Amino acid sequence: IKREYSEILTHSLATDDRLDWDKLFIKKNYQDFIYNVPYPVKEQSNSKGIFSNLFEKMKAGKINEAYNTACVEYENEKKAILTEYVKNRQLFENEKRERNAEMLFLKYYFEKSEKSAVEKYSKMVLESSEYPRNLILQHKITYSTSQRTLAVDFLLPKIEDFPTVEEYS
């Protein structure tokens, strides 16, 4: 652990942690609506004969009633699923639009060296960088527009605070 902390600066300077602007934008689209449930199929009767006409009429009435009920249930379920899909798609599109506008705004002002944009970008870089697993990120970022200088103050534990034993067996 002691070695990991003592090599943070060396490791950080050797690593290019710049953010890829293209990866900050949401480019994917919401999935297309697919409803794979087949439409209800009406049962057909195959009986033929002299006495079957009476039974056929009774059976046909029940078949028609069951078929009509199945069709109404199918349409209601499809409508409910479609309504949920439209709601979720709208939420996704709103989040995508807001995120992309925010990143476009950040990129524009970062390239103009605007103080808050540079500090926000720097904070994003720090948060996406790799550090020793036990390090709690406590930092303060300050950007001087006039001097074009970025200062990052990290609060790190003292090396003396680490145990000197390398391993126990």
N, C-alpha and C. Protein backbone atom coordinates (compact mmCIF):
# COMPACT_ATOMS: atom_id res chain seq x y z
N ILE A 1 0.84 -1.20 0.00
CA ILE A 1 0.00 0.00 0.00
C ILE A 1 0.88 1.25 0.00
N LYS A 2 1.92 1.22 0.82
CA LYS A 2 2.80 2.38 0.93
C LYS A 2 3.40 2.73 -0.44
N ARG A 3 3.81 1.69 -1.17
CA ARG A 3 4.41 1.90 -2.49
C ARG A 3 3.39 2.49 -3.46
N GLU A 4 2.13 1.98 -3.41
CA GLU A 4 1.08 2.50 -4.29
C GLU A 4 0.90 4.00 -4.11
N TYR A 5 0.88 4.43 -2.85
CA TYR A 5 0.68 5.85 -2.55
C TYR A 5 1.90 6.68 -2.97
N SER A 6 3.06 6.13 -2.75
CA SER A 6 4.26 6.91 -3.08
C SER A 6 4.45 7.04 -4.59
N GLU A 7 3.80 6.18 -5.37
CA GLU A 7 3.95 6.23 -6.83
C GLU A 7 2.77 6.89 -7.55
N ILE A 8 1.85 7.49 -6.81
CA ILE A 8 0.68 8.12 -7.43
C ILE A 8 1.09 9.20 -8.42
N LEU A 9 1.95 10.09 -8.01
CA LEU A 9 2.35 11.20 -8.88
C LEU A 9 3.06 10.68 -10.13
N THR A 10 3.98 9.76 -9.97
CA THR A 10 4.71 9.20 -11.11
C THR A 10 3.74 8.52 -12.07
N HIS A 11 2.84 7.73 -11.52
CA HIS A 11 1.86 7.03 -12.35
C HIS A 11 0.94 8.03 -13.07
N SER A 12 0.47 9.04 -12.35
CA SER A 12 -0.45 10.02 -12.93
C SER A 12 0.20 10.81 -14.06
N LEU A 13 1.44 11.19 -13.87
CA LEU A 13 2.13 11.96 -14.91
C LEU A 13 2.40 11.12 -16.17
N ALA A 14 2.53 9.82 -15.99
CA ALA A 14 2.81 8.94 -17.12
C ALA A 14 1.54 8.49 -17.84
N THR A 15 0.39 8.80 -17.28
CA THR A 15 -0.88 8.35 -17.83
C THR A 15 -1.63 9.51 -18.49
N ASP A 16 -2.14 9.27 -19.68
CA ASP A 16 -2.97 10.27 -20.37
C ASP A 16 -4.42 10.00 -20.00
N ASP A 17 -4.94 10.78 -19.07
CA ASP A 17 -6.30 10.58 -18.56
C ASP A 17 -7.32 11.52 -19.21
N ARG A 18 -6.92 12.20 -20.28
CA ARG A 18 -7.87 13.10 -20.92
C ARG A 18 -9.13 12.34 -21.30
N LEU A 19 -10.25 13.02 -21.20
CA LEU A 19 -11.52 12.40 -21.56
C LEU A 19 -11.73 12.48 -23.07
N ASP A 20 -12.31 11.44 -23.61
CA ASP A 20 -12.66 11.42 -25.02
C ASP A 20 -14.04 12.08 -25.14
N TRP A 21 -14.07 13.25 -25.74
CA TRP A 21 -15.32 14.00 -25.84
C TRP A 21 -16.43 13.17 -26.50
N ASP A 22 -16.08 12.42 -27.54
CA ASP A 22 -17.10 11.63 -28.24
C ASP A 22 -17.78 10.62 -27.33
N LYS A 23 -17.02 10.09 -26.37
CA LYS A 23 -17.60 9.10 -25.45
C LYS A 23 -18.48 9.73 -24.38
N LEU A 24 -18.41 11.03 -24.24
CA LEU A 24 -19.25 11.72 -23.25
C LEU A 24 -20.66 11.97 -23.76
N PHE A 25 -20.83 11.89 -25.07
CA PHE A 25 -22.14 12.11 -25.68
C PHE A 25 -22.89 10.79 -25.79
N ILE A 26 -24.21 10.86 -25.60
CA ILE A 26 -25.04 9.67 -25.80
C ILE A 26 -25.42 9.63 -27.27
N LYS A 27 -25.01 8.58 -27.95
CA LYS A 27 -25.25 8.48 -29.39
C LYS A 27 -26.28 7.41 -29.73
N LYS A 28 -26.45 6.45 -28.86
CA LYS A 28 -27.38 5.37 -29.18
C LYS A 28 -28.81 5.87 -29.17
N ASN A 29 -29.65 5.16 -29.89
CA ASN A 29 -31.07 5.48 -29.94
C ASN A 29 -31.85 4.48 -29.10
N TYR A 30 -33.01 4.88 -28.72
CA TYR A 30 -33.86 3.98 -27.94
C TYR A 30 -34.30 2.83 -28.83
N GLN A 31 -34.41 1.67 -28.23
CA GLN A 31 -34.79 0.47 -29.00
C GLN A 31 -36.16 0.63 -29.65
N ASP A 32 -36.33 0.00 -30.80
CA ASP A 32 -37.61 0.04 -31.50
C ASP A 32 -38.66 -0.75 -30.73
N PHE A 33 -39.91 -0.37 -30.92
CA PHE A 33 -41.00 -1.08 -30.25
C PHE A 33 -41.25 -2.40 -30.96
N ILE A 34 -41.18 -3.48 -30.19
CA ILE A 34 -41.45 -4.81 -30.74
C ILE A 34 -42.42 -5.49 -29.79
N TYR A 35 -43.52 -5.95 -30.34
CA TYR A 35 -44.52 -6.67 -29.56
C TYR A 35 -44.67 -8.02 -30.23
N ASN A 36 -44.10 -9.05 -29.65
CA ASN A 36 -44.03 -10.37 -30.28
C ASN A 36 -45.15 -11.33 -29.92
N VAL A 37 -46.21 -10.84 -29.35
CA VAL A 37 -47.31 -11.72 -28.99
C VAL A 37 -48.24 -11.85 -30.21
N PRO A 38 -48.49 -13.08 -30.68
CA PRO A 38 -49.35 -13.23 -31.87
C PRO A 38 -50.80 -12.86 -31.57
N TYR A 39 -51.47 -12.36 -32.59
CA TYR A 39 -52.88 -11.99 -32.46
C TYR A 39 -53.69 -13.27 -32.23
N PRO A 40 -54.74 -13.21 -31.42
CA PRO A 40 -55.53 -14.42 -31.15
C PRO A 40 -56.07 -15.05 -32.45
N VAL A 41 -56.12 -16.37 -32.46
CA VAL A 41 -56.64 -17.11 -33.62
C VAL A 41 -57.97 -17.71 -33.24
N LYS A 42 -58.93 -17.59 -34.16
CA LYS A 42 -60.27 -18.10 -33.90
C LYS A 42 -60.30 -19.60 -34.20
N GLU A 43 -60.86 -20.35 -33.24
CA GLU A 43 -60.99 -21.79 -33.40
C GLU A 43 -62.01 -22.09 -34.49
N GLN A 44 -61.76 -23.15 -35.24
CA GLN A 44 -62.71 -23.58 -36.28
C GLN A 44 -63.26 -24.96 -35.90
N SER A 45 -64.52 -25.17 -36.21
CA SER A 45 -65.14 -26.45 -35.91
C SER A 45 -65.14 -27.30 -37.16
N ASN A 46 -64.87 -28.61 -37.00
CA ASN A 46 -64.81 -29.51 -38.14
C ASN A 46 -65.93 -30.56 -38.15
N SER A 47 -66.87 -30.48 -37.19
CA SER A 47 -67.91 -31.51 -37.12
C SER A 47 -68.92 -31.36 -38.24
N LYS A 48 -69.32 -32.50 -38.75
CA LYS A 48 -70.35 -32.51 -39.79
C LYS A 48 -71.31 -33.64 -39.47
N GLY A 49 -72.54 -33.42 -39.75
CA GLY A 49 -73.54 -34.46 -39.50
C GLY A 49 -74.89 -33.85 -39.24
N ILE A 50 -75.88 -34.70 -39.14
CA ILE A 50 -77.26 -34.25 -38.99
C ILE A 50 -77.50 -33.54 -37.67
N PHE A 51 -77.03 -34.16 -36.58
CA PHE A 51 -77.28 -33.59 -35.24
C PHE A 51 -76.26 -32.52 -34.84
N SER A 52 -75.23 -32.37 -35.62
CA SER A 52 -74.17 -31.46 -35.22
C SER A 52 -74.53 -29.99 -35.40
N ASN A 53 -75.53 -29.66 -36.25
CA ASN A 53 -75.90 -28.26 -36.48
C ASN A 53 -76.29 -27.53 -35.18
N LEU A 54 -77.08 -28.20 -34.34
CA LEU A 54 -77.51 -27.59 -33.08
C LEU A 54 -76.30 -27.36 -32.17
N PHE A 55 -75.46 -28.37 -32.05
CA PHE A 55 -74.26 -28.25 -31.21
C PHE A 55 -73.27 -27.25 -31.80
N GLU A 56 -73.21 -27.20 -33.12
CA GLU A 56 -72.30 -26.26 -33.79
C GLU A 56 -72.68 -24.82 -33.47
N LYS A 57 -73.96 -24.52 -33.48
CA LYS A 57 -74.39 -23.15 -33.19
C LYS A 57 -74.06 -22.76 -31.75
N MET A 58 -74.24 -23.68 -30.83
CA MET A 58 -73.91 -23.40 -29.43
C MET A 58 -72.40 -23.23 -29.27
N LYS A 59 -71.65 -24.14 -29.91
CA LYS A 59 -70.19 -24.09 -29.82
C LYS A 59 -69.65 -22.83 -30.50
N ALA A 60 -70.23 -22.48 -31.63
CA ALA A 60 -69.78 -21.28 -32.37
C ALA A 60 -69.99 -20.03 -31.53
N GLY A 61 -71.09 -19.95 -30.79
CA GLY A 61 -71.34 -18.80 -29.93
C GLY A 61 -70.27 -18.66 -28.85
N LYS A 62 -69.91 -19.80 -28.25
CA LYS A 62 -68.87 -19.79 -27.21
C LYS A 62 -67.50 -19.46 -27.80
N ILE A 63 -67.25 -20.01 -29.00
CA ILE A 63 -65.97 -19.73 -29.67
C ILE A 63 -65.86 -18.24 -30.00
N ASN A 64 -66.94 -17.66 -30.54
CA ASN A 64 -66.93 -16.23 -30.88
C ASN A 64 -66.75 -15.37 -29.64
N GLU A 65 -67.42 -15.74 -28.56
CA GLU A 65 -67.30 -14.98 -27.32
C GLU A 65 -65.86 -15.05 -26.77
N ALA A 66 -65.28 -16.23 -26.75
CA ALA A 66 -63.91 -16.41 -26.26
C ALA A 66 -62.91 -15.67 -27.16
N TYR A 67 -63.15 -15.75 -28.47
CA TYR A 67 -62.27 -15.06 -29.43
C TYR A 67 -62.34 -13.55 -29.25
N ASN A 68 -63.55 -13.02 -29.13
CA ASN A 68 -63.72 -11.57 -28.94
C ASN A 68 -63.08 -11.10 -27.64
N THR A 69 -63.22 -11.89 -26.57
CA THR A 69 -62.60 -11.55 -25.29
C THR A 69 -61.07 -11.56 -25.42
N ALA A 70 -60.54 -12.58 -26.11
CA ALA A 70 -59.09 -12.67 -26.31
C ALA A 70 -58.58 -11.48 -27.13
N CYS A 71 -59.34 -11.05 -28.13
CA CYS A 71 -58.94 -9.90 -28.96
C CYS A 71 -58.90 -8.62 -28.13
N VAL A 72 -59.92 -8.41 -27.29
CA VAL A 72 -59.97 -7.22 -26.45
C VAL A 72 -58.81 -7.23 -25.46
N GLU A 73 -58.54 -8.38 -24.83
CA GLU A 73 -57.42 -8.50 -23.90
C GLU A 73 -56.09 -8.23 -24.61
N TYR A 74 -55.96 -8.76 -25.81
CA TYR A 74 -54.74 -8.56 -26.60
C TYR A 74 -54.53 -7.07 -26.87
N GLU A 75 -55.56 -6.40 -27.34
CA GLU A 75 -55.45 -4.97 -27.65
C GLU A 75 -55.16 -4.14 -26.41
N ASN A 76 -55.81 -4.47 -25.29
CA ASN A 76 -55.57 -3.74 -24.04
C ASN A 76 -54.14 -3.92 -23.55
N GLU A 77 -53.62 -5.16 -23.62
CA GLU A 77 -52.25 -5.43 -23.19
C GLU A 77 -51.25 -4.71 -24.10
N LYS A 78 -51.51 -4.76 -25.40
CA LYS A 78 -50.61 -4.10 -26.34
C LYS A 78 -50.62 -2.59 -26.12
N LYS A 79 -51.79 -2.03 -25.89
CA LYS A 79 -51.90 -0.59 -25.64
C LYS A 79 -51.15 -0.19 -24.36
N ALA A 80 -51.28 -1.00 -23.30
CA ALA A 80 -50.59 -0.70 -22.03
C ALA A 80 -49.07 -0.77 -22.22
N ILE A 81 -48.61 -1.79 -22.94
CA ILE A 81 -47.17 -1.94 -23.17
C ILE A 81 -46.65 -0.82 -24.05
N LEU A 82 -47.43 -0.44 -25.06
CA LEU A 82 -47.04 0.66 -25.95
C LEU A 82 -47.00 1.99 -25.19
N THR A 83 -47.96 2.21 -24.32
CA THR A 83 -47.98 3.44 -23.51
C THR A 83 -46.73 3.51 -22.62
N GLU A 84 -46.37 2.39 -21.99
CA GLU A 84 -45.16 2.33 -21.15
C GLU A 84 -43.91 2.56 -22.00
N TYR A 85 -43.89 1.97 -23.19
CA TYR A 85 -42.76 2.14 -24.10
C TYR A 85 -42.58 3.61 -24.49
N VAL A 86 -43.68 4.27 -24.85
CA VAL A 86 -43.61 5.67 -25.26
C VAL A 86 -43.13 6.54 -24.10
N LYS A 87 -43.60 6.25 -22.90
CA LYS A 87 -43.17 7.00 -21.70
C LYS A 87 -41.67 6.82 -21.47
N ASN A 88 -41.19 5.58 -21.51
CA ASN A 88 -39.77 5.30 -21.29
C ASN A 88 -38.89 5.88 -22.40
N ARG A 89 -39.38 5.83 -23.61
CA ARG A 89 -38.63 6.39 -24.74
C ARG A 89 -38.50 7.91 -24.58
N GLN A 90 -39.57 8.55 -24.18
CA GLN A 90 -39.55 9.99 -23.98
C GLN A 90 -38.56 10.38 -22.87
N LEU A 91 -38.56 9.61 -21.77
CA LEU A 91 -37.60 9.85 -20.69
C LEU A 91 -36.17 9.71 -21.20
N PHE A 92 -35.91 8.65 -21.96
CA PHE A 92 -34.59 8.42 -22.52
C PHE A 92 -34.18 9.56 -23.44
N GLU A 93 -35.07 9.97 -24.32
CA GLU A 93 -34.77 11.05 -25.27
C GLU A 93 -34.50 12.37 -24.54
N ASN A 94 -35.26 12.64 -23.48
CA ASN A 94 -35.04 13.86 -22.70
C ASN A 94 -33.67 13.83 -22.01
N GLU A 95 -33.34 12.68 -21.40
CA GLU A 95 -32.04 12.55 -20.74
C GLU A 95 -30.90 12.66 -21.75
N LYS A 96 -31.08 12.06 -22.91
CA LYS A 96 -30.07 12.11 -23.97
C LYS A 96 -29.86 13.56 -24.43
N ARG A 97 -30.96 14.25 -24.67
CA ARG A 97 -30.88 15.65 -25.13
C ARG A 97 -30.21 16.53 -24.07
N GLU A 98 -30.60 16.36 -22.81
CA GLU A 98 -30.00 17.15 -21.72
C GLU A 98 -28.52 16.84 -21.55
N ARG A 99 -28.16 15.57 -21.55
CA ARG A 99 -26.76 15.17 -21.38
C ARG A 99 -25.90 15.70 -22.53
N ASN A 100 -26.39 15.53 -23.76
CA ASN A 100 -25.61 15.99 -24.92
C ASN A 100 -25.48 17.51 -24.94
N ALA A 101 -26.53 18.21 -24.55
CA ALA A 101 -26.46 19.68 -24.49
C ALA A 101 -25.47 20.11 -23.40
N GLU A 102 -25.51 19.43 -22.27
CA GLU A 102 -24.58 19.75 -21.17
C GLU A 102 -23.13 19.51 -21.59
N MET A 103 -22.88 18.39 -22.28
CA MET A 103 -21.51 18.08 -22.72
C MET A 103 -21.05 19.04 -23.82
N LEU A 104 -21.95 19.42 -24.70
CA LEU A 104 -21.61 20.39 -25.75
C LEU A 104 -21.27 21.74 -25.13
N PHE A 105 -22.06 22.14 -24.16
CA PHE A 105 -21.84 23.39 -23.42
C PHE A 105 -20.49 23.34 -22.70
N LEU A 106 -20.23 22.21 -22.00
CA LEU A 106 -18.97 22.05 -21.27
C LEU A 106 -17.78 22.09 -22.23
N LYS A 107 -17.88 21.37 -23.33
CA LYS A 107 -16.78 21.33 -24.30
C LYS A 107 -16.50 22.73 -24.86
N TYR A 108 -17.56 23.44 -25.22
CA TYR A 108 -17.41 24.78 -25.80
C TYR A 108 -16.67 25.71 -24.82
N TYR A 109 -17.14 25.74 -23.58
CA TYR A 109 -16.54 26.65 -22.60
C TYR A 109 -15.19 26.15 -22.09
N PHE A 110 -14.97 24.84 -22.08
CA PHE A 110 -13.65 24.30 -21.74
C PHE A 110 -12.63 24.77 -22.78
N GLU A 111 -12.99 24.68 -24.05
CA GLU A 111 -12.09 25.12 -25.11
C GLU A 111 -11.85 26.62 -25.08
N LYS A 112 -12.77 27.36 -24.48
CA LYS A 112 -12.61 28.81 -24.30
C LYS A 112 -11.87 29.13 -23.00
N SER A 113 -11.44 28.11 -22.27
CA SER A 113 -10.73 28.24 -21.00
C SER A 113 -11.55 28.96 -19.93
N GLU A 114 -12.83 28.75 -19.93
CA GLU A 114 -13.69 29.34 -18.91
C GLU A 114 -13.47 28.58 -17.60
N LYS A 115 -13.29 29.30 -16.52
CA LYS A 115 -12.88 28.76 -15.21
C LYS A 115 -13.73 27.57 -14.76
N SER A 116 -15.04 27.73 -14.67
CA SER A 116 -15.87 26.64 -14.13
C SER A 116 -15.88 25.43 -15.05
N ALA A 117 -15.78 25.63 -16.37
CA ALA A 117 -15.74 24.50 -17.30
C ALA A 117 -14.43 23.73 -17.17
N VAL A 118 -13.33 24.43 -17.02
CA VAL A 118 -12.02 23.76 -16.86
C VAL A 118 -12.01 22.99 -15.55
N GLU A 119 -12.54 23.59 -14.49
CA GLU A 119 -12.57 22.90 -13.19
C GLU A 119 -13.50 21.69 -13.23
N LYS A 120 -14.64 21.80 -13.88
CA LYS A 120 -15.56 20.66 -13.98
C LYS A 120 -14.93 19.54 -14.79
N TYR A 121 -14.33 19.88 -15.92
CA TYR A 121 -13.66 18.88 -16.76
C TYR A 121 -12.56 18.18 -15.96
N SER A 122 -11.77 18.95 -15.23
CA SER A 122 -10.67 18.39 -14.43
C SER A 122 -11.20 17.46 -13.35
N LYS A 123 -12.32 17.82 -12.75
CA LYS A 123 -12.95 16.96 -11.75
C LYS A 123 -13.39 15.64 -12.39
N MET A 124 -13.95 15.72 -13.59
CA MET A 124 -14.36 14.50 -14.30
C MET A 124 -13.16 13.61 -14.61
N VAL A 125 -12.05 14.23 -14.99
CA VAL A 125 -10.82 13.47 -15.27
C VAL A 125 -10.36 12.76 -13.99
N LEU A 126 -10.31 13.49 -12.88
CA LEU A 126 -9.87 12.90 -11.62
C LEU A 126 -10.77 11.74 -11.20
N GLU A 127 -12.06 11.90 -11.38
CA GLU A 127 -13.01 10.86 -10.97
C GLU A 127 -12.95 9.63 -11.85
N SER A 128 -12.47 9.78 -13.08
CA SER A 128 -12.39 8.61 -13.97
C SER A 128 -11.00 7.97 -13.96
N SER A 129 -10.06 8.56 -13.23
CA SER A 129 -8.70 8.02 -13.17
C SER A 129 -8.60 6.89 -12.15
N GLU A 130 -7.55 6.09 -12.29
CA GLU A 130 -7.32 4.97 -11.38
C GLU A 130 -6.39 5.40 -10.26
N TYR A 131 -6.78 5.03 -9.04
CA TYR A 131 -5.98 5.33 -7.86
C TYR A 131 -5.92 4.09 -7.00
N PRO A 132 -5.04 4.05 -6.00
CA PRO A 132 -5.02 2.90 -5.10
C PRO A 132 -6.40 2.67 -4.49
N ARG A 133 -6.73 1.42 -4.29
CA ARG A 133 -8.09 1.05 -3.87
C ARG A 133 -8.53 1.68 -2.55
N ASN A 134 -7.62 2.01 -1.66
CA ASN A 134 -7.98 2.56 -0.36
C ASN A 134 -7.99 4.09 -0.32
N LEU A 135 -7.66 4.70 -1.43
CA LEU A 135 -7.58 6.16 -1.46
C LEU A 135 -8.98 6.78 -1.51
N ILE A 136 -9.23 7.66 -0.58
CA ILE A 136 -10.49 8.41 -0.60
C ILE A 136 -10.17 9.74 -1.27
N LEU A 137 -10.84 10.01 -2.38
CA LEU A 137 -10.55 11.23 -3.14
C LEU A 137 -11.08 12.46 -2.41
N GLN A 138 -10.18 13.21 -1.86
CA GLN A 138 -10.50 14.50 -1.27
C GLN A 138 -9.59 15.50 -1.95
N HIS A 139 -10.19 16.35 -2.75
CA HIS A 139 -9.36 17.28 -3.50
C HIS A 139 -10.09 18.60 -3.73
N LYS A 140 -9.29 19.58 -4.06
CA LYS A 140 -9.82 20.90 -4.40
C LYS A 140 -9.13 21.31 -5.70
N ILE A 141 -9.93 21.73 -6.67
CA ILE A 141 -9.41 22.12 -7.98
C ILE A 141 -9.60 23.62 -8.14
N THR A 142 -8.54 24.30 -8.54
CA THR A 142 -8.61 25.74 -8.78
C THR A 142 -7.94 26.04 -10.11
N TYR A 143 -8.65 26.79 -10.94
CA TYR A 143 -8.07 27.18 -12.22
C TYR A 143 -7.96 28.70 -12.27
N SER A 144 -6.77 29.15 -12.64
CA SER A 144 -6.53 30.59 -12.79
C SER A 144 -6.61 30.91 -14.28
N THR A 145 -7.62 31.66 -14.67
CA THR A 145 -7.82 32.00 -16.07
C THR A 145 -6.69 32.90 -16.58
N SER A 146 -6.29 33.86 -15.78
CA SER A 146 -5.25 34.79 -16.22
C SER A 146 -3.90 34.10 -16.42
N GLN A 147 -3.56 33.16 -15.54
CA GLN A 147 -2.28 32.47 -15.65
C GLN A 147 -2.39 31.15 -16.42
N ARG A 148 -3.63 30.75 -16.70
CA ARG A 148 -3.90 29.47 -17.38
C ARG A 148 -3.19 28.32 -16.64
N THR A 149 -3.43 28.30 -15.32
CA THR A 149 -2.80 27.32 -14.46
C THR A 149 -3.87 26.58 -13.66
N LEU A 150 -3.75 25.27 -13.62
CA LEU A 150 -4.67 24.44 -12.86
C LEU A 150 -3.93 23.90 -11.64
N ALA A 151 -4.52 24.10 -10.47
CA ALA A 151 -3.93 23.57 -9.23
C ALA A 151 -4.89 22.54 -8.66
N VAL A 152 -4.35 21.38 -8.32
CA VAL A 152 -5.15 20.33 -7.71
C VAL A 152 -4.52 20.01 -6.36
N ASP A 153 -5.26 20.28 -5.30
CA ASP A 153 -4.80 19.97 -3.95
C ASP A 153 -5.46 18.67 -3.52
N PHE A 154 -4.63 17.64 -3.33
CA PHE A 154 -5.10 16.34 -2.85
C PHE A 154 -4.81 16.22 -1.37
N LEU A 155 -5.75 15.70 -0.64
CA LEU A 155 -5.51 15.39 0.76
C LEU A 155 -5.17 13.91 0.82
N LEU A 156 -3.88 13.62 1.05
CA LEU A 156 -3.40 12.25 1.11
C LEU A 156 -2.92 11.93 2.52
N PRO A 157 -3.03 10.67 2.92
CA PRO A 157 -2.48 10.30 4.24
C PRO A 157 -0.96 10.41 4.22
N LYS A 158 -0.39 10.65 5.36
CA LYS A 158 1.07 10.71 5.47
C LYS A 158 1.64 9.31 5.28
N ILE A 159 2.78 9.23 4.65
CA ILE A 159 3.44 7.94 4.43
C ILE A 159 3.73 7.26 5.78
N GLU A 160 4.05 8.09 6.80
CA GLU A 160 4.34 7.53 8.12
C GLU A 160 3.13 6.85 8.75
N ASP A 161 1.93 7.19 8.29
CA ASP A 161 0.71 6.60 8.86
C ASP A 161 0.46 5.17 8.38
N PHE A 162 1.22 4.72 7.41
CA PHE A 162 1.02 3.37 6.90
C PHE A 162 1.83 2.37 7.71
N PRO A 163 1.31 1.15 7.83
CA PRO A 163 2.08 0.13 8.55
C PRO A 163 3.38 -0.18 7.80
N THR A 164 4.41 -0.49 8.55
CA THR A 164 5.71 -0.78 7.92
C THR A 164 5.85 -2.25 7.56
N VAL A 165 4.96 -3.09 8.07
CA VAL A 165 5.03 -4.52 7.77
C VAL A 165 4.47 -4.75 6.38
N GLU A 166 5.20 -5.43 5.52
CA GLU A 166 4.77 -5.68 4.14
C GLU A 166 3.72 -6.79 4.08
N GLU A 167 3.92 -7.87 4.86
CA GLU A 167 2.93 -8.95 4.87
C GLU A 167 3.06 -9.77 6.14
N TYR A 168 1.98 -10.45 6.47
CA TYR A 168 1.96 -11.35 7.63
C TYR A 168 1.83 -12.77 7.11
N SER A 169 2.44 -13.71 7.81
CA SER A 169 2.26 -15.12 7.42
C SER A 169 1.92 -15.96 8.64
